[in-house]
Amino acid sequence: MTTPSESKTRTLLALSATGALIGIAFCAGGNQSVGSWITVLSLLSLIWSIHRFGRTGPDEPVALGRSARPGAETNGHSAETG
């Protein structure tokens, strides 16, 4: 489950990336002065949001399969009986 601060950080990441794409589109469309400022500000915001996202800490470990314990049953057979 995501915490509120992680949710805000993910939202900021998405908005910053979208803003950078919009700025690039403005530059490609001919309005380079506005597009360049949008792109620069969006990239700075993207750098900041990546930093904040990295500071939220590690994710919960993902459990793959039924059990990762040694000697646990797999496919109806125990590890001891082979």
N, C-alpha and C. Protein backbone atom coordinates (compact mmCIF):
# COMPACT_ATOMS: atom_id res chain seq x y z
N MET A 1 0.84 -1.18 0.00
CA MET A 1 0.00 0.00 0.00
C MET A 1 0.89 1.24 0.00
N THR A 2 0.49 2.23 -0.71
CA THR A 2 1.30 3.44 -0.81
C THR A 2 0.89 4.43 0.27
N THR A 3 1.88 5.14 0.77
CA THR A 3 1.62 6.17 1.77
C THR A 3 1.21 7.45 1.06
N PRO A 4 0.60 8.38 1.79
CA PRO A 4 0.20 9.65 1.14
C PRO A 4 1.38 10.41 0.54
N SER A 5 2.53 10.41 1.21
CA SER A 5 3.68 11.14 0.65
C SER A 5 4.20 10.46 -0.61
N GLU A 6 4.15 9.12 -0.65
CA GLU A 6 4.59 8.42 -1.85
C GLU A 6 3.61 8.67 -2.99
N SER A 7 2.33 8.75 -2.67
CA SER A 7 1.33 9.04 -3.69
C SER A 7 1.53 10.44 -4.28
N LYS A 8 1.83 11.41 -3.41
CA LYS A 8 2.10 12.77 -3.89
C LYS A 8 3.34 12.80 -4.78
N THR A 9 4.34 12.04 -4.39
CA THR A 9 5.59 12.01 -5.16
C THR A 9 5.36 11.38 -6.52
N ARG A 10 4.57 10.30 -6.57
CA ARG A 10 4.26 9.68 -7.86
C ARG A 10 3.48 10.63 -8.76
N THR A 11 2.56 11.38 -8.16
CA THR A 11 1.78 12.36 -8.94
C THR A 11 2.70 13.44 -9.49
N LEU A 12 3.62 13.94 -8.65
CA LEU A 12 4.56 14.96 -9.09
C LEU A 12 5.45 14.42 -10.21
N LEU A 13 5.87 13.16 -10.10
CA LEU A 13 6.67 12.54 -11.16
C LEU A 13 5.90 12.53 -12.48
N ALA A 14 4.65 12.11 -12.44
CA ALA A 14 3.85 12.03 -13.66
C ALA A 14 3.60 13.41 -14.25
N LEU A 15 3.28 14.39 -13.42
CA LEU A 15 3.04 15.74 -13.91
C LEU A 15 4.29 16.37 -14.49
N SER A 16 5.43 16.12 -13.86
CA SER A 16 6.69 16.69 -14.36
C SER A 16 7.06 16.10 -15.71
N ALA A 17 6.91 14.79 -15.84
CA ALA A 17 7.22 14.15 -17.12
C ALA A 17 6.27 14.64 -18.22
N THR A 18 5.00 14.79 -17.87
CA THR A 18 4.03 15.30 -18.84
C THR A 18 4.36 16.74 -19.24
N GLY A 19 4.75 17.55 -18.25
CA GLY A 19 5.12 18.94 -18.54
C GLY A 19 6.32 19.02 -19.45
N ALA A 20 7.29 18.13 -19.26
CA ALA A 20 8.46 18.13 -20.13
C ALA A 20 8.07 17.78 -21.57
N LEU A 21 7.18 16.83 -21.72
CA LEU A 21 6.72 16.48 -23.07
C LEU A 21 5.93 17.62 -23.71
N ILE A 22 5.13 18.31 -22.93
CA ILE A 22 4.38 19.45 -23.45
C ILE A 22 5.35 20.57 -23.87
N GLY A 23 6.38 20.80 -23.05
CA GLY A 23 7.37 21.81 -23.40
C GLY A 23 8.11 21.48 -24.68
N ILE A 24 8.45 20.22 -24.85
CA ILE A 24 9.12 19.80 -26.09
C ILE A 24 8.18 19.97 -27.28
N ALA A 25 6.90 19.67 -27.08
CA ALA A 25 5.93 19.85 -28.16
C ALA A 25 5.80 21.32 -28.54
N PHE A 26 5.82 22.22 -27.55
CA PHE A 26 5.79 23.65 -27.85
C PHE A 26 7.01 24.06 -28.66
N CYS A 27 8.17 23.55 -28.28
CA CYS A 27 9.40 23.89 -29.03
C CYS A 27 9.33 23.37 -30.46
N ALA A 28 8.81 22.17 -30.64
CA ALA A 28 8.70 21.61 -31.98
C ALA A 28 7.65 22.33 -32.81
N GLY A 29 6.66 22.90 -32.13
CA GLY A 29 5.59 23.57 -32.83
C GLY A 29 5.90 25.00 -33.23
N GLY A 30 7.00 25.52 -32.80
CA GLY A 30 7.38 26.86 -33.22
C GLY A 30 7.41 27.90 -32.11
N ASN A 31 6.81 27.61 -30.98
CA ASN A 31 6.81 28.57 -29.87
C ASN A 31 7.95 28.21 -28.91
N GLN A 32 9.18 28.48 -29.35
CA GLN A 32 10.35 28.01 -28.61
C GLN A 32 10.59 28.73 -27.30
N SER A 33 10.25 29.98 -27.20
CA SER A 33 10.53 30.71 -25.97
C SER A 33 9.68 30.18 -24.80
N VAL A 34 8.42 29.93 -25.05
CA VAL A 34 7.55 29.38 -24.00
C VAL A 34 7.90 27.92 -23.76
N GLY A 35 8.09 27.18 -24.82
CA GLY A 35 8.40 25.75 -24.71
C GLY A 35 9.68 25.47 -23.96
N SER A 36 10.68 26.31 -24.18
CA SER A 36 11.95 26.09 -23.48
C SER A 36 11.80 26.30 -21.98
N TRP A 37 11.04 27.31 -21.57
CA TRP A 37 10.84 27.54 -20.14
C TRP A 37 10.01 26.41 -19.51
N ILE A 38 8.99 25.96 -20.21
CA ILE A 38 8.19 24.84 -19.69
C ILE A 38 9.06 23.59 -19.56
N THR A 39 9.89 23.34 -20.55
CA THR A 39 10.76 22.16 -20.52
C THR A 39 11.76 22.23 -19.39
N VAL A 40 12.42 23.37 -19.23
CA VAL A 40 13.43 23.50 -18.18
C VAL A 40 12.80 23.36 -16.80
N LEU A 41 11.69 24.04 -16.57
CA LEU A 41 11.03 23.95 -15.26
C LEU A 41 10.50 22.55 -14.99
N SER A 42 9.99 21.89 -16.02
CA SER A 42 9.49 20.53 -15.85
C SER A 42 10.63 19.55 -15.57
N LEU A 43 11.77 19.73 -16.23
CA LEU A 43 12.91 18.85 -15.97
C LEU A 43 13.47 19.06 -14.57
N LEU A 44 13.50 20.30 -14.10
CA LEU A 44 13.94 20.55 -12.73
C LEU A 44 12.98 19.91 -11.73
N SER A 45 11.69 20.01 -12.00
CA SER A 45 10.70 19.38 -11.14
C SER A 45 10.82 17.85 -11.21
N LEU A 46 11.13 17.32 -12.37
CA LEU A 46 11.32 15.88 -12.53
C LEU A 46 12.52 15.39 -11.73
N ILE A 47 13.61 16.13 -11.76
CA ILE A 47 14.79 15.78 -10.97
C ILE A 47 14.45 15.78 -9.49
N TRP A 48 13.72 16.79 -9.04
CA TRP A 48 13.34 16.88 -7.63
C TRP A 48 12.42 15.73 -7.24
N SER A 49 11.47 15.39 -8.11
CA SER A 49 10.53 14.32 -7.76
C SER A 49 11.22 12.95 -7.76
N ILE A 50 12.19 12.74 -8.63
CA ILE A 50 12.96 11.49 -8.61
C ILE A 50 13.75 11.40 -7.31
N HIS A 51 14.32 12.52 -6.88
CA HIS A 51 15.04 12.56 -5.61
C HIS A 51 14.10 12.21 -4.45
N ARG A 52 12.94 12.83 -4.43
CA ARG A 52 11.97 12.56 -3.36
C ARG A 52 11.50 11.12 -3.40
N PHE A 53 11.27 10.59 -4.59
CA PHE A 53 10.82 9.21 -4.71
C PHE A 53 11.88 8.25 -4.19
N GLY A 54 13.13 8.53 -4.46
CA GLY A 54 14.21 7.70 -3.95
C GLY A 54 14.34 7.75 -2.45
N ARG A 55 13.95 8.88 -1.85
CA ARG A 55 14.04 9.04 -0.40
C ARG A 55 12.87 8.41 0.35
N THR A 56 11.85 7.90 -0.37
CA THR A 56 10.71 7.28 0.32
C THR A 56 11.06 5.92 0.89
N GLY A 57 12.16 5.33 0.46
CA GLY A 57 12.59 4.06 1.02
C GLY A 57 12.26 2.89 0.11
N PRO A 58 12.70 1.70 0.51
CA PRO A 58 12.49 0.52 -0.33
C PRO A 58 11.04 0.07 -0.28
N ASP A 59 10.64 -0.66 -1.33
CA ASP A 59 9.31 -1.24 -1.39
C ASP A 59 9.26 -2.49 -0.53
N GLU A 60 8.05 -2.96 -0.27
CA GLU A 60 7.87 -4.22 0.43
C GLU A 60 8.41 -5.35 -0.43
N PRO A 61 9.02 -6.37 0.17
CA PRO A 61 9.49 -7.49 -0.63
C PRO A 61 8.32 -8.22 -1.29
N VAL A 62 8.54 -8.70 -2.49
CA VAL A 62 7.52 -9.42 -3.23
C VAL A 62 7.73 -10.91 -3.01
N ALA A 63 6.69 -11.61 -2.56
CA ALA A 63 6.77 -13.05 -2.34
C ALA A 63 6.42 -13.75 -3.66
N LEU A 64 7.38 -14.44 -4.22
CA LEU A 64 7.17 -15.17 -5.46
C LEU A 64 6.89 -16.63 -5.14
N GLY A 65 5.89 -17.20 -5.75
CA GLY A 65 5.55 -18.59 -5.49
C GLY A 65 4.78 -18.74 -4.20
N ARG A 66 4.61 -19.99 -3.79
CA ARG A 66 3.86 -20.25 -2.56
C ARG A 66 4.66 -19.95 -1.32
N SER A 67 5.89 -20.44 -1.30
CA SER A 67 6.72 -20.25 -0.12
C SER A 67 8.18 -20.30 -0.53
N ALA A 68 8.98 -19.49 0.09
CA ALA A 68 10.40 -19.47 -0.23
C ALA A 68 11.21 -20.18 0.84
N ARG A 69 10.54 -20.86 1.80
CA ARG A 69 11.25 -21.54 2.88
C ARG A 69 11.85 -22.85 2.39
N PRO A 70 13.03 -23.21 2.86
CA PRO A 70 13.58 -24.52 2.52
C PRO A 70 12.73 -25.62 3.16
N GLY A 71 12.47 -26.68 2.44
CA GLY A 71 11.68 -27.79 2.96
C GLY A 71 10.19 -27.58 2.78
N ALA A 72 9.77 -26.50 2.17
CA ALA A 72 8.35 -26.26 1.94
C ALA A 72 7.88 -27.15 0.80
N GLU A 73 6.60 -27.51 0.83
CA GLU A 73 6.06 -28.38 -0.21
C GLU A 73 5.96 -27.64 -1.54
N THR A 74 6.34 -28.35 -2.59
CA THR A 74 6.18 -27.83 -3.95
C THR A 74 5.63 -28.94 -4.82
N ASN A 75 4.60 -28.67 -5.58
CA ASN A 75 3.98 -29.61 -6.51
C ASN A 75 3.50 -30.89 -5.81
N GLY A 76 3.07 -30.79 -4.57
CA GLY A 76 2.53 -31.94 -3.87
C GLY A 76 3.59 -32.83 -3.24
N HIS A 77 4.85 -32.56 -3.41
CA HIS A 77 5.92 -33.35 -2.85
C HIS A 77 6.72 -32.50 -1.87
N SER A 78 7.17 -33.11 -0.81
CA SER A 78 8.02 -32.35 0.11
C SER A 78 9.46 -32.46 -0.37
N ALA A 79 10.28 -31.59 0.09
CA ALA A 79 11.68 -31.57 -0.33
C ALA A 79 12.43 -32.77 0.23
N GLU A 80 11.94 -33.34 1.35
CA GLU A 80 12.66 -34.46 1.98
C GLU A 80 12.44 -35.76 1.24
N THR A 81 11.21 -35.98 0.68
CA THR A 81 10.92 -37.25 0.02
C THR A 81 11.33 -37.27 -1.44
N GLY A 82 11.56 -36.10 -2.02
CA GLY A 82 12.06 -36.00 -3.37
C GLY A 82 11.03 -36.26 -4.36
